[in-house]
Amino acid sequence: MLEIDIGGKKVQLNAPEFKPGLILMGIVAVFIAVGLLTSFYTVQADEEGVVLRFGKYEKTESPGLHFKLPFFIDRVEKVEVLRQMKQEFGFGTRGNTNPHQYTGDSEQEQEKKMVTGDLNAARVEWVVQYRIDKPQEYLFNVRNADDTLRHASESVMREVVGDRTVDEVITIGRQEIESESFRKLQSLVNKYEMGISIDQVQLKNVKPPREVEESFNEVNRAEQERATAVNIANGQYNKRVPKAKGEAEQSISQAQGYATKRVNEAEGDATRFNALLEAYKEAPEVTRRRMYLEAMQQVMPLLERKIIIDETGQQILPLLQLNQGGLQR
């Protein structure tokens, strides 16, 4: 029994009876609940679960409901293996869920500044898209694999840009830079055994330094205008020269055809004349009459209406209606 002094008055309280069995049952119930809660876990469809036993790698589980040793003997690290992630260099897209996607504003400005092979400066912005294909290597082979990937990507890009002139970097060499950076970065990731697969390296904005950007743009515009003028001239050349060549070949073909025709006609006339000469030698009168008749057959259809009368004919003019045609004596 307990006695308490309240406001000068003594109050006696009965102490509760201590029951060790009830406390033990409560401890056991808590123990069982904790064991059940820590014995099962779920791996989502786009994840793989890496099971650690006392901090050491034990196994990798596929998506679904799984059992593990309770009381935190087994610990599960879930890795999103189907999600494509990206890292941005020289700029940043706000609102992303990947803490390693981009750096601070001051670091972004330093990332994009590079020196080309001809000792010029350029501002290069690029994106690396990647996936985690080996969760065990991703978690344990390299400390903070995402940060390591950022450093490796920046190193590779500076090396590739440093092997080219500023004109190649800004204009014609973009695709080649992307391809070479992709190969070298994937090779470096494989060498470090980071458990990462590179999907793409893509250049975004490649610009000269701000101090000379306007002058560089003027040069580019002049180059584009020159290329446009050359293309227009080539188009006119390709349009007119083949046409002129075709017309020349057509004229030559026509002249050759006409020459062949005239030669053949002349040879035919000569052959015909020789044949007539031979016939004339054999039968002069008959040949002369036949030639006359043939000539008249060709000439007469071309003449207008003609009436031929004997010079000695008399009193026939009213019958011939000479006003409808000509008269030939």
Protein backbone atom coordinates (compact mmCIF):
# COMPACT_ATOMS: atom_id res chain seq x y z
CA MET A 1 0.00 0.00 0.00
CA LEU A 2 1.24 3.49 -0.90
CA GLU A 3 0.61 6.70 1.10
CA ILE A 4 0.62 10.05 -0.76
CA ASP A 5 0.43 13.57 0.78
CA ILE A 6 -1.96 15.74 -1.29
CA GLY A 7 -2.63 19.29 0.03
CA GLY A 8 -1.76 18.30 3.59
CA LYS A 9 -3.98 15.27 3.45
CA LYS A 10 -2.62 11.79 3.32
CA VAL A 11 -4.14 9.49 0.75
CA GLN A 12 -3.49 5.77 0.71
CA LEU A 13 -3.36 3.90 -2.62
CA ASN A 14 -3.36 0.24 -3.24
CA ALA A 15 -0.38 -0.79 -5.48
CA PRO A 16 -1.28 -3.08 -8.40
CA GLU A 17 -0.34 -6.66 -8.09
CA PHE A 18 2.77 -7.57 -10.14
CA LYS A 19 2.09 -10.39 -12.67
CA PRO A 20 5.29 -11.57 -14.40
CA GLY A 21 3.42 -14.03 -16.67
CA LEU A 22 1.36 -11.29 -18.32
CA ILE A 23 4.46 -9.22 -19.11
CA LEU A 24 6.19 -12.27 -20.59
CA MET A 25 3.19 -12.95 -22.82
CA GLY A 26 3.31 -9.35 -24.07
CA ILE A 27 7.00 -9.62 -24.86
CA VAL A 28 6.41 -12.86 -26.74
CA ALA A 29 3.54 -11.28 -28.72
CA VAL A 30 5.73 -8.33 -29.72
CA PHE A 31 8.53 -10.73 -30.63
CA ILE A 32 6.23 -12.76 -32.88
CA ALA A 33 4.76 -9.64 -34.55
CA VAL A 34 8.21 -8.25 -35.31
CA GLY A 35 9.28 -11.64 -36.66
CA LEU A 36 6.29 -11.83 -39.00
CA LEU A 37 6.68 -8.26 -40.22
CA THR A 38 10.36 -8.77 -40.99
CA SER A 39 10.00 -12.18 -42.65
CA PHE A 40 8.24 -11.21 -45.90
CA TYR A 41 8.91 -8.64 -48.56
CA THR A 42 7.63 -7.80 -52.04
CA VAL A 43 9.70 -7.05 -55.15
CA GLN A 44 7.89 -4.94 -57.76
CA ALA A 45 7.66 -5.88 -61.44
CA ASP A 46 10.41 -3.46 -62.53
CA GLU A 47 12.76 -4.38 -59.66
CA GLU A 48 15.12 -7.07 -58.46
CA GLY A 49 15.76 -7.69 -54.76
CA VAL A 50 19.32 -8.15 -53.53
CA VAL A 51 19.28 -10.11 -50.24
CA LEU A 52 22.03 -9.38 -47.70
CA ARG A 53 22.61 -11.69 -44.72
CA PHE A 54 24.46 -9.90 -41.93
CA GLY A 55 25.52 -7.36 -44.57
CA LYS A 56 26.96 -9.96 -46.97
CA TYR A 57 25.47 -10.71 -50.38
CA GLU A 58 23.28 -13.82 -50.29
CA LYS A 59 21.15 -13.92 -53.46
CA THR A 60 19.11 -11.91 -55.97
CA GLU A 61 15.33 -12.37 -56.09
CA SER A 62 12.96 -11.76 -58.99
CA PRO A 63 9.66 -9.81 -58.72
CA GLY A 64 7.04 -11.24 -56.37
CA LEU A 65 6.44 -12.06 -52.67
CA HIS A 66 9.43 -13.64 -50.91
CA PHE A 67 10.51 -14.90 -47.47
CA LYS A 68 13.67 -13.86 -45.61
CA LEU A 69 15.14 -14.47 -42.20
CA PRO A 70 13.41 -12.25 -39.62
CA PHE A 71 14.70 -9.81 -37.02
CA PHE A 72 16.77 -7.99 -39.63
CA ILE A 73 19.13 -10.92 -40.11
CA ASP A 74 18.37 -10.61 -43.83
CA ARG A 75 18.13 -7.17 -45.43
CA VAL A 76 16.81 -6.50 -48.94
CA GLU A 77 18.05 -3.80 -51.33
CA LYS A 78 15.55 -3.24 -54.17
CA VAL A 79 17.04 -2.07 -57.48
CA GLU A 80 14.96 -0.81 -60.44
CA VAL A 81 16.48 -2.80 -63.31
CA LEU A 82 13.86 -2.00 -65.97
CA ARG A 83 13.80 1.74 -65.49
CA GLN A 84 15.82 3.83 -67.90
CA MET A 85 17.64 6.57 -66.05
CA LYS A 86 19.58 9.52 -67.37
CA GLN A 87 22.22 11.98 -66.32
CA GLU A 88 22.34 15.51 -67.70
CA PHE A 89 25.58 17.44 -68.06
CA GLY A 90 25.75 21.21 -68.43
CA PHE A 91 22.02 21.66 -67.76
CA GLY A 92 19.26 20.18 -65.58
CA THR A 93 15.60 19.24 -65.96
CA ARG A 94 13.65 20.18 -62.87
CA GLY A 95 11.16 17.89 -61.16
CA ASN A 96 13.01 14.60 -61.71
CA THR A 97 13.13 11.77 -59.15
CA ASN A 98 16.76 10.77 -59.75
CA PRO A 99 19.06 12.67 -57.35
CA HIS A 100 22.01 11.99 -59.64
CA GLN A 101 20.38 13.36 -62.80
CA TYR A 102 22.08 16.76 -62.67
CA THR A 103 24.30 18.87 -60.43
CA GLY A 104 23.99 22.41 -59.10
CA ASP A 105 23.93 25.48 -61.33
CA SER A 106 27.54 26.44 -60.63
CA GLU A 107 28.77 22.90 -61.35
CA GLN A 108 26.73 22.76 -64.56
CA GLU A 109 28.60 25.77 -65.92
CA GLN A 110 31.92 24.08 -65.21
CA GLU A 111 30.77 20.77 -66.75
CA LYS A 112 29.97 22.30 -70.12
CA LYS A 113 33.22 24.24 -70.57
CA MET A 114 35.68 22.24 -72.67
CA VAL A 115 38.84 22.78 -74.73
CA THR A 116 38.95 21.39 -78.28
CA GLY A 117 41.94 19.91 -80.05
CA ASP A 118 42.81 23.21 -81.80
CA LEU A 119 42.90 24.98 -78.39
CA ASN A 120 39.55 26.66 -78.81
CA ALA A 121 36.79 26.68 -76.20
CA ALA A 122 33.29 25.23 -76.52
CA ARG A 123 30.25 24.74 -74.32
CA VAL A 124 29.00 21.17 -74.59
CA GLU A 125 25.75 19.85 -73.09
CA TRP A 126 24.96 16.15 -73.29
CA VAL A 127 22.81 13.38 -71.84
CA VAL A 128 23.70 9.81 -70.84
CA GLN A 129 20.86 7.27 -70.71
CA TYR A 130 21.55 4.03 -68.85
CA ARG A 131 20.06 1.04 -67.03
CA ILE A 132 21.15 -1.16 -64.12
CA ASP A 133 21.58 -4.66 -65.55
CA LYS A 134 23.60 -6.29 -62.71
CA PRO A 135 22.30 -5.19 -59.30
CA GLN A 136 25.00 -6.99 -57.30
CA GLU A 137 27.82 -5.21 -59.13
CA TYR A 138 25.91 -1.92 -59.02
CA LEU A 139 25.56 -2.08 -55.21
CA PHE A 140 28.90 -3.51 -54.10
CA ASN A 141 31.67 -3.19 -56.72
CA VAL A 142 31.82 0.61 -56.82
CA ARG A 143 30.94 3.05 -54.07
CA ASN A 144 28.07 5.22 -55.34
CA ALA A 145 27.98 3.96 -58.91
CA ASP A 146 25.83 6.88 -60.14
CA ASP A 147 28.38 9.48 -59.07
CA THR A 148 31.16 7.37 -60.53
CA LEU A 149 29.25 7.24 -63.81
CA ARG A 150 29.00 11.05 -63.84
CA HIS A 151 32.74 11.43 -63.40
CA ALA A 152 33.49 8.76 -66.02
CA SER A 153 31.13 10.35 -68.55
CA GLU A 154 32.63 13.80 -68.09
CA SER A 155 36.14 12.38 -68.47
CA VAL A 156 35.25 10.51 -71.66
CA MET A 157 33.48 13.51 -73.21
CA ARG A 158 36.42 15.83 -72.51
CA GLU A 159 38.78 13.30 -74.09
CA VAL A 160 36.66 12.91 -77.23
CA VAL A 161 36.07 16.66 -77.65
CA GLY A 162 39.78 17.31 -77.06
CA ASP A 163 40.66 15.20 -80.10
CA ARG A 164 38.64 17.37 -82.53
CA THR A 165 38.59 20.92 -83.81
CA VAL A 166 35.97 23.38 -82.68
CA ASP A 167 34.30 23.29 -86.12
CA GLU A 168 33.92 19.51 -85.91
CA VAL A 169 32.51 19.71 -82.39
CA ILE A 170 29.95 22.38 -83.20
CA THR A 171 28.95 21.36 -86.74
CA ILE A 172 29.83 18.20 -88.63
CA GLY A 173 31.27 15.93 -85.93
CA ARG A 174 28.34 15.57 -83.55
CA GLN A 175 27.28 12.07 -84.56
CA GLU A 176 30.85 10.79 -84.51
CA ILE A 177 31.37 12.29 -81.03
CA GLU A 178 28.22 10.58 -79.75
CA SER A 179 29.26 7.19 -81.15
CA GLU A 180 32.82 7.34 -79.85
CA SER A 181 31.72 8.59 -76.41
CA PHE A 182 29.19 5.75 -76.19
CA ARG A 183 31.83 3.11 -76.96
CA LYS A 184 34.43 4.50 -74.59
CA LEU A 185 31.99 5.04 -71.73
CA GLN A 186 30.56 1.52 -72.01
CA SER A 187 34.10 0.11 -72.09
CA LEU A 188 35.02 2.07 -68.97
CA VAL A 189 31.85 0.97 -67.14
CA ASN A 190 32.59 -2.66 -68.01
CA LYS A 191 36.16 -2.28 -66.82
CA TYR A 192 34.99 -0.96 -63.43
CA GLU A 193 32.28 -3.69 -63.27
CA MET A 194 29.66 -1.14 -62.26
CA GLY A 195 26.68 -3.29 -63.34
CA ILE A 196 25.43 -0.51 -65.64
CA SER A 197 24.47 -0.72 -69.32
CA ILE A 198 24.76 2.49 -71.38
CA ASP A 199 21.81 2.97 -73.75
CA GLN A 200 22.75 6.24 -75.43
CA VAL A 201 25.05 9.25 -75.31
CA GLN A 202 23.38 12.25 -76.95
CA LEU A 203 24.72 15.74 -77.51
CA LYS A 204 22.21 18.50 -76.81
CA ASN A 205 23.53 22.04 -77.25
CA VAL A 206 27.08 22.65 -78.48
CA LYS A 207 27.99 26.32 -78.59
CA PRO A 208 31.09 28.51 -78.65
CA PRO A 209 31.91 30.68 -75.60
CA ARG A 210 29.43 33.47 -74.95
CA GLU A 211 32.05 36.13 -75.75
CA VAL A 212 32.38 34.99 -79.38
CA GLU A 213 28.99 33.33 -79.87
CA GLU A 214 27.53 36.15 -81.98
CA SER A 215 30.57 36.28 -84.28
CA PHE A 216 30.54 32.52 -84.64
CA ASN A 217 26.86 32.61 -85.56
CA GLU A 218 27.59 35.23 -88.22
CA VAL A 219 30.24 32.94 -89.71
CA ASN A 220 27.80 30.03 -89.68
CA ARG A 221 25.14 32.11 -91.41
CA ALA A 222 27.64 33.14 -94.08
CA GLU A 223 28.64 29.50 -94.59
CA GLN A 224 24.99 28.50 -94.89
CA GLU A 225 24.30 31.26 -97.43
CA ARG A 226 27.34 30.17 -99.43
CA ALA A 227 26.19 26.55 -99.35
CA THR A 228 22.71 27.65 -100.43
CA ALA A 229 24.09 29.63 -103.36
CA VAL A 230 26.29 26.70 -104.42
CA ASN A 231 23.31 24.33 -104.25
CA ILE A 232 21.19 26.68 -106.36
CA ALA A 233 23.97 27.00 -108.94
CA ASN A 234 24.45 23.23 -109.03
CA GLY A 235 20.72 22.81 -109.48
CA GLN A 236 20.67 25.18 -112.43
CA TYR A 237 23.74 23.46 -113.89
CA ASN A 238 22.17 20.03 -113.51
CA LYS A 239 18.99 21.31 -115.09
CA ARG A 240 20.39 23.14 -118.11
CA VAL A 241 23.54 21.25 -119.06
CA PRO A 242 21.82 17.86 -119.52
CA LYS A 243 19.06 19.59 -121.46
CA ALA A 244 21.59 21.29 -123.77
CA LYS A 245 23.46 18.00 -124.21
CA GLY A 246 20.19 16.27 -125.09
CA GLU A 247 19.28 18.93 -127.63
CA ALA A 248 22.79 18.73 -129.16
CA GLU A 249 22.58 14.95 -129.41
CA GLN A 250 19.12 15.26 -130.95
CA SER A 251 20.38 17.74 -133.58
CA ILE A 252 23.35 15.51 -134.35
CA SER A 253 21.06 12.49 -134.70
CA GLN A 254 18.73 14.42 -137.01
CA ALA A 255 21.65 15.61 -139.14
CA GLN A 256 23.08 12.12 -139.35
CA GLY A 257 19.65 10.75 -140.29
CA TYR A 258 19.20 13.41 -142.96
CA ALA A 259 22.67 12.73 -144.35
CA THR A 260 21.98 9.00 -144.47
CA LYS A 261 18.65 9.66 -146.14
CA ARG A 262 20.16 11.91 -148.82
CA VAL A 263 22.99 9.49 -149.50
CA ASN A 264 20.57 6.59 -149.81
CA GLU A 265 18.29 8.62 -152.10
CA ALA A 266 21.24 9.65 -154.25
CA GLU A 267 22.48 6.08 -154.47
CA GLY A 268 18.94 4.93 -155.29
CA ASP A 269 18.58 7.58 -158.00
CA ALA A 270 21.95 6.64 -159.44
CA THR A 271 21.04 2.96 -159.47
CA ARG A 272 17.68 3.74 -161.07
CA PHE A 273 19.30 5.93 -163.67
CA ASN A 274 21.80 3.21 -164.55
CA ALA A 275 18.95 0.69 -164.83
CA LEU A 276 17.04 3.04 -167.15
CA LEU A 277 20.15 3.61 -169.19
CA GLU A 278 20.61 -0.10 -169.72
CA ALA A 279 16.94 -0.49 -170.65
CA TYR A 280 17.19 2.49 -173.00
CA LYS A 281 20.16 0.98 -174.77
CA GLU A 282 18.25 -2.23 -175.39
CA ALA A 283 14.87 -0.63 -176.44
CA PRO A 284 15.12 3.15 -176.90
CA GLU A 285 11.61 3.80 -178.22
CA VAL A 286 9.81 1.69 -175.68
CA THR A 287 11.85 3.10 -172.83
CA ARG A 288 11.29 6.67 -173.95
CA ARG A 289 7.51 6.15 -174.16
CA ARG A 290 7.38 4.46 -170.74
CA MET A 291 9.36 7.28 -169.16
CA TYR A 292 7.03 9.82 -170.74
CA LEU A 293 3.93 8.07 -169.46
CA GLU A 294 5.35 7.71 -165.98
CA ALA A 295 6.23 11.41 -165.91
CA MET A 296 2.75 12.37 -167.03
CA GLN A 297 1.23 10.16 -164.31
CA GLN A 298 3.13 12.12 -161.72
CA VAL A 299 2.53 15.57 -163.20
CA MET A 300 -1.07 15.50 -164.34
CA PRO A 301 -2.67 14.99 -160.89
CA LEU A 302 -0.94 18.17 -159.73
CA LEU A 303 -2.42 20.39 -162.48
CA GLU A 304 -5.71 22.24 -162.38
CA ARG A 305 -8.57 21.29 -164.75
CA LYS A 306 -7.25 21.31 -168.34
CA ILE A 307 -8.95 20.73 -171.68
CA ILE A 308 -6.80 19.77 -174.63
CA ILE A 309 -8.29 20.09 -178.16
CA ASP A 310 -7.03 19.76 -181.60
CA GLU A 311 -5.88 22.98 -183.19
CA THR A 312 -8.00 22.20 -186.27
CA GLY A 313 -11.21 21.68 -184.34
CA GLN A 314 -14.10 24.02 -185.33
CA GLN A 315 -17.44 25.04 -183.73
CA ILE A 316 -16.95 23.19 -180.47
CA LEU A 317 -16.40 26.08 -178.07
CA PRO A 318 -20.06 26.46 -176.92
CA LEU A 319 -20.13 22.82 -175.94
CA LEU A 320 -17.04 22.78 -173.78
CA GLN A 321 -18.09 25.40 -171.18
CA LEU A 322 -14.63 26.87 -171.20
CA ASN A 323 -15.53 29.37 -168.52
CA GLN A 324 -15.17 26.55 -165.92
CA GLY A 325 -11.54 25.78 -166.62
CA GLY A 326 -8.48 26.67 -168.59
CA LEU A 327 -7.75 26.02 -172.22
CA GLN A 328 -4.47 24.67 -173.52
CA ARG A 329 -3.51 24.26 -177.11
